[in-house]
Structures are given as structure tokens and as C-alpha cells.
């Protein structure tokens, strides 16, 4: 199965391939955090699966092969090539799922409330919606804008979106407390200018590998000490839909 990035003219595509290649510890930890809410035989959908980075880890680490929903037709080819059942829209889905997870996608959608509302019919009555998104609006930078982020979230703003879409919040936690300070530093130093161009050119980022190998494990340790309830570069929120 192909694991090399095709030459797509797609906003953020090279970022996806770079993150898959260089943030292996980080991606695996996202999957482990999401999978804590899953049971072995759950039917699972990844909404906005991209190139399938998390889906591959979900399959290899947890023996769960999620269905993948992805609107971009070229990315659909990559997902199919990687062996995932792939759909182009919610209307194509023919079953209900025990869990739907959305990782670093909701911030790309202008009308996030409507997107989550449209997902309700494909989630079982006792099913879960698990959302992982960039956090803290003061970290929003030109880089966020350049890769199509409409916003960053916090506990209140993401919670309000879920409530407006008629979901009940079960739990939340911030993720990557040290990442707040690293991202802020990169923002102040002009992250978008120095890194976006290299993403577009499919260049590697040694700093990403260093962060993934050495800094993020410390950040994860601090999160587990209790920082996850205070701040983090991302936020993970779990909800279930209210009865119709």
C-alpha cells in the first residue's frame, strides 16, 4: 500500500504527511487517548480522515479498523489504497456507529455546529462523539490561517458548539501543556513564514522530531499530573447525543 505523499494541490496536505512521518509519538498518544473510550468490537468512524494517519495507528495499535469519511477525492484514493472503507459524505453512510472521532478537523469547518448536527443520525443512541482540536485562541497565528483553521477552541467554546448541536458533554481534558509555550514562541518568531513554505515543499523538520521524542513525553507527564485540566495546545472532549 502506498505510504508516500502524492503531489496534491491541497491546503495542508504536506503538513499531514510531515506530521505522520515526524510526530509518531504524538500521533500514537492521540490514538491511545481516543481509544480509551472505545470497546474492542465497537463500530468506529473517523470523520475527516485525511491521509489515514490516525486510522492506521488505530488499526495497528488497537486492532480497530475505522471507516473513514473524507470529502477530498484525492485523499479518498489514499485512504482506499491504505485499506480503509471510505466515504465522501455523511449521506453515503449506511449504518450507525458506536463512536465517531474527529481529530484536528473541526477547526477547518466554518459552520461547526451544523457539521456536528449532521453527524447525529449516524451515531447510535448510546454512542460517543470524540473531538480533538487545537486549543486557546490566543495561540491563533498566520499559520493557522494558512492551513485553513477558522478558529482554536477552549473548554467553553467547544462545549457551547456541542450543546448547540444537541450533545451532552461527558468529559474533557487539555493536551500538551508544554506545547502552549512552544507554539506561542513559534508564533512570535514568525512560525507561518518559516514553516509553511517548507511544508509546501515537503521538507523535514528536525525540530518536530526533537519535540516528538524528548519534549512531548515530558508534556504528557505534566498533563497526567493535572495540567490537563488547566491548559494545553489541544483539547480532547467526549460527548454523547441527547435524545432526539
Protein backbone atom coordinates (compact mmCIF):
# COMPACT_ATOMS: atom_id res chain seq x y z
CA UNK A 1 0.00 0.00 0.00
CA UNK A 2 1.30 3.45 -0.89
CA UNK A 3 2.69 5.50 2.00
CA UNK A 4 4.43 8.24 0.04
CA UNK A 5 2.76 11.64 -0.43
CA UNK A 6 1.39 12.28 -3.91
CA UNK A 7 1.78 15.75 -5.38
CA UNK A 8 -1.58 17.18 -4.31
CA UNK A 9 -2.59 20.81 -4.59
CA UNK A 10 -4.46 20.69 -1.29
CA UNK A 11 -4.22 23.14 1.60
CA UNK A 12 -2.37 21.46 4.43
CA UNK A 13 -1.65 18.16 2.65
CA UNK A 14 2.12 18.32 3.12
CA UNK A 15 1.52 19.15 6.76
CA UNK A 16 -0.37 15.85 7.06
CA UNK A 17 2.49 13.83 5.60
CA UNK A 18 5.09 15.63 7.71
CA UNK A 19 3.11 15.06 10.89
CA UNK A 20 2.64 11.38 10.07
CA UNK A 21 6.34 10.89 9.49
CA UNK A 22 7.82 13.03 12.25
CA UNK A 23 5.29 13.13 15.08
CA UNK A 24 4.93 9.41 15.64
CA UNK A 25 4.86 9.55 19.45
CA UNK A 26 2.37 12.39 19.40
CA UNK A 27 0.03 10.68 16.92
CA UNK A 28 0.17 7.39 18.80
CA UNK A 29 -0.74 9.20 22.00
CA UNK A 30 -3.78 10.82 20.35
CA UNK A 31 -4.95 7.36 19.27
CA UNK A 32 -4.40 5.93 22.74
CA UNK A 33 -6.35 8.79 24.31
CA UNK A 34 -9.25 8.31 21.88
CA UNK A 35 -9.21 4.53 22.20
CA UNK A 36 -9.72 4.71 25.98
CA UNK A 37 -13.34 5.46 25.18
CA UNK A 38 -13.71 2.57 22.72
CA UNK A 39 -14.58 -1.07 23.26
CA UNK A 40 -12.89 -3.85 21.21
CA UNK A 41 -15.89 -4.59 19.00
CA UNK A 42 -17.13 -1.03 18.55
CA UNK A 43 -18.01 0.20 15.10
CA UNK A 44 -15.93 3.35 14.62
CA UNK A 45 -15.90 6.21 12.12
CA UNK A 46 -13.11 8.73 11.65
CA UNK A 47 -14.59 12.00 10.37
CA UNK A 48 -12.16 13.92 8.16
CA UNK A 49 -9.61 11.12 7.98
CA UNK A 50 -7.15 12.92 5.70
CA UNK A 51 -4.40 10.52 4.62
CA UNK A 52 -5.36 7.99 7.31
CA UNK A 53 -2.51 8.60 9.77
CA UNK A 54 -4.62 8.03 12.87
CA UNK A 55 -6.69 5.29 11.24
CA UNK A 56 -3.51 3.31 10.54
CA UNK A 57 -2.42 3.65 14.16
CA UNK A 58 -5.89 2.72 15.38
CA UNK A 59 -5.64 -0.43 13.29
CA UNK A 60 -2.08 -1.35 14.30
CA UNK A 61 -2.21 -0.38 18.00
CA UNK A 62 -5.80 -1.25 18.92
CA UNK A 63 -6.84 -3.71 16.19
CA UNK A 64 -9.73 -1.42 15.26
CA UNK A 65 -10.21 -0.57 11.58
CA UNK A 66 -12.34 2.55 11.39
CA UNK A 67 -14.49 3.55 8.48
CA UNK A 68 -13.17 6.81 7.08
CA UNK A 69 -15.12 9.84 5.93
CA UNK A 70 -13.17 12.29 3.79
CA UNK A 71 -14.60 14.84 1.36
CA UNK A 72 -11.43 15.37 -0.70
CA UNK A 73 -11.46 12.94 -3.61
CA UNK A 74 -7.69 12.66 -3.90
CA UNK A 75 -7.36 11.89 -0.21
CA UNK A 76 -10.08 9.27 -0.63
CA UNK A 77 -7.77 7.47 -3.05
CA UNK A 78 -5.03 7.38 -0.42
CA UNK A 79 -7.43 6.03 2.21
CA UNK A 80 -8.72 3.32 -0.11
CA UNK A 81 -5.13 2.44 -1.07
CA UNK A 82 -4.37 2.05 2.63
CA UNK A 83 -7.23 -0.40 3.05
CA UNK A 84 -9.96 1.63 4.75
CA UNK A 85 -13.68 1.66 3.93
CA UNK A 86 -14.02 5.22 2.65
CA UNK A 87 -16.97 7.56 2.20
CA UNK A 88 -17.23 11.02 0.70
CA UNK A 89 -20.08 12.43 2.78
CA UNK A 90 -22.33 11.69 5.74
CA UNK A 91 -25.19 10.90 3.34
CA UNK A 92 -23.21 7.93 1.95
CA UNK A 93 -23.02 6.22 5.36
CA UNK A 94 -25.39 3.30 5.68
CA UNK A 95 -25.01 2.34 9.35
CA UNK A 96 -24.79 3.81 12.82
CA UNK A 97 -21.57 3.84 14.83
CA UNK A 98 -20.68 3.19 18.44
CA UNK A 99 -18.16 6.03 18.22
CA UNK A 100 -17.18 8.82 15.85
CA UNK A 101 -13.88 10.62 16.38
CA UNK A 102 -12.77 13.88 14.82
CA UNK A 103 -9.11 14.89 15.14
CA UNK A 104 -7.83 18.28 14.02
CA UNK A 105 -10.69 18.72 11.57
CA UNK A 106 -13.49 20.72 13.22
CA UNK A 107 -11.39 23.89 13.19
CA UNK A 108 -11.37 23.67 9.37
CA UNK A 109 -15.17 23.84 9.15
CA UNK A 110 -16.83 27.25 9.10
CA UNK A 111 -20.20 26.05 10.39
CA UNK A 112 -19.00 23.59 13.02
CA UNK A 113 -22.41 23.38 14.73
CA UNK A 114 -24.10 22.24 11.53
CA UNK A 115 -21.36 19.69 10.87
CA UNK A 116 -21.87 18.07 14.26
CA UNK A 117 -25.65 18.22 13.89
CA UNK A 118 -25.43 16.33 10.59
CA UNK A 119 -23.43 13.60 12.34
CA UNK A 120 -26.15 12.84 14.87
CA UNK A 121 -28.09 10.34 12.69
CA UNK A 122 -25.03 8.08 12.22
CA UNK A 123 -24.22 7.82 15.93
CA UNK A 124 -26.00 5.17 17.98
CA UNK A 125 -28.25 6.35 20.80
CA UNK A 126 -25.62 5.34 23.36
CA UNK A 127 -22.71 6.17 21.04
CA UNK A 128 -19.91 8.65 21.59
CA UNK A 129 -18.55 11.66 19.73
CA UNK A 130 -14.86 12.25 20.46
CA UNK A 131 -13.32 15.54 19.34
CA UNK A 132 -9.66 16.61 19.35
CA UNK A 133 -8.92 20.18 18.21
CA UNK A 134 -6.36 23.00 18.55
CA UNK A 135 -6.89 24.96 21.75
CA UNK A 136 -6.57 28.52 23.04
CA UNK A 137 -7.50 31.37 20.74
CA UNK A 138 -4.51 33.49 21.78
CA UNK A 139 -2.31 30.92 20.05
CA UNK A 140 -4.08 31.50 16.71
CA UNK A 141 -1.45 32.56 14.17
CA UNK A 142 -0.96 33.22 10.48
CA UNK A 143 -0.01 29.57 10.21
CA UNK A 144 -3.46 28.54 11.47
CA UNK A 145 -4.99 30.77 8.85
CA UNK A 146 -2.70 29.50 6.08
CA UNK A 147 -3.76 25.86 6.62
CA UNK A 148 -7.46 26.72 6.78
CA UNK A 149 -8.19 26.98 10.51
CA UNK A 150 -11.20 29.17 11.25
CA UNK A 151 -10.56 29.12 15.00
CA UNK A 152 -9.00 27.48 18.02
CA UNK A 153 -11.16 26.29 20.93
CA UNK A 154 -11.23 26.14 24.69
CA UNK A 155 -13.43 24.21 27.09
CA UNK A 156 -16.23 26.80 26.95
CA UNK A 157 -16.29 27.45 23.20
CA UNK A 158 -16.12 23.78 22.19
CA UNK A 159 -18.67 22.93 24.86
CA UNK A 160 -21.03 25.57 23.51
CA UNK A 161 -20.73 24.13 19.99
CA UNK A 162 -21.59 20.66 21.25
CA UNK A 163 -24.53 21.93 23.29
CA UNK A 164 -25.85 23.88 20.30
CA UNK A 165 -25.67 20.69 18.21
CA UNK A 166 -27.65 18.88 20.94
CA UNK A 167 -24.90 16.80 22.54
CA UNK A 168 -24.20 16.21 26.22
CA UNK A 169 -20.58 16.63 27.33
CA UNK A 170 -19.14 13.64 29.18
CA UNK A 171 -15.53 14.65 29.76
CA UNK A 172 -12.77 16.93 28.57
CA UNK A 173 -9.05 17.44 29.00
CA UNK A 174 -6.40 19.71 27.59
CA UNK A 175 -3.45 18.02 25.90
CA UNK A 176 0.20 19.10 25.61
CA UNK A 177 0.72 21.75 28.27
CA UNK A 178 4.30 22.48 27.25
CA UNK A 179 3.10 22.86 23.68
CA UNK A 180 1.30 26.07 24.67
CA UNK A 181 4.60 27.80 25.33
CA UNK A 182 6.39 26.25 22.37
CA UNK A 183 3.59 27.24 19.97
CA UNK A 184 3.48 30.76 21.40
CA UNK A 185 7.22 31.12 20.89
CA UNK A 186 6.95 29.88 17.32
CA UNK A 187 4.11 32.29 16.69
CA UNK A 188 6.13 35.24 17.97
CA UNK A 189 9.10 34.20 15.85
CA UNK A 190 7.07 34.00 12.66
CA UNK A 191 6.14 30.33 12.53
CA UNK A 192 3.98 30.72 9.44
CA UNK A 193 6.73 32.19 7.29
CA UNK A 194 9.49 29.76 8.24
CA UNK A 195 7.48 26.54 8.39
CA UNK A 196 4.58 26.82 5.95
CA UNK A 197 6.93 27.14 2.97
CA UNK A 198 8.82 24.01 3.98
CA UNK A 199 5.54 22.12 4.44
CA UNK A 200 4.60 23.06 0.89
CA UNK A 201 7.99 21.82 -0.33
CA UNK A 202 7.67 18.56 1.66
CA UNK A 203 10.79 19.35 3.70
CA UNK A 204 11.55 17.64 7.00
CA UNK A 205 11.52 19.43 10.34
CA UNK A 206 14.25 18.24 12.73
CA UNK A 207 12.64 20.37 15.44
CA UNK A 208 9.45 18.30 15.11
CA UNK A 209 11.37 15.08 15.67
CA UNK A 210 13.13 16.54 18.72
CA UNK A 211 9.84 17.73 20.13
CA UNK A 212 8.20 14.38 19.48
CA UNK A 213 10.99 12.35 21.05
CA UNK A 214 12.01 14.49 24.01
CA UNK A 215 9.61 17.34 24.77
CA UNK A 216 6.19 15.80 24.22
CA UNK A 217 6.79 12.88 26.64
CA UNK A 218 7.54 15.43 29.37
CA UNK A 219 4.44 17.38 28.39
CA UNK A 220 2.38 14.20 28.61
CA UNK A 221 3.81 13.52 32.08
CA UNK A 222 2.83 17.02 33.25
CA UNK A 223 -0.63 16.61 31.72
CA UNK A 224 -1.11 13.47 33.78
CA UNK A 225 -0.07 15.33 36.92
CA UNK A 226 -3.06 17.60 36.46
CA UNK A 227 -2.11 20.23 33.89
CA UNK A 228 -4.63 18.67 31.51
CA UNK A 229 -7.38 20.44 33.47
CA UNK A 230 -5.66 23.83 33.19
CA UNK A 231 -4.23 24.37 29.71
CA UNK A 232 -2.86 22.67 26.63
CA UNK A 233 -2.13 23.22 22.96
CA UNK A 234 -5.09 20.96 22.15
CA UNK A 235 -8.30 19.89 23.80
CA UNK A 236 -10.00 16.48 23.81
CA UNK A 237 -13.73 16.47 24.52
CA UNK A 238 -16.10 13.49 24.63
CA UNK A 239 -19.86 13.77 24.27
CA UNK A 240 -22.98 11.75 23.59
CA UNK A 241 -26.01 12.91 21.69
CA UNK A 242 -29.11 13.94 23.59
CA UNK A 243 -32.31 12.06 22.76
CA UNK A 244 -33.96 13.49 19.66
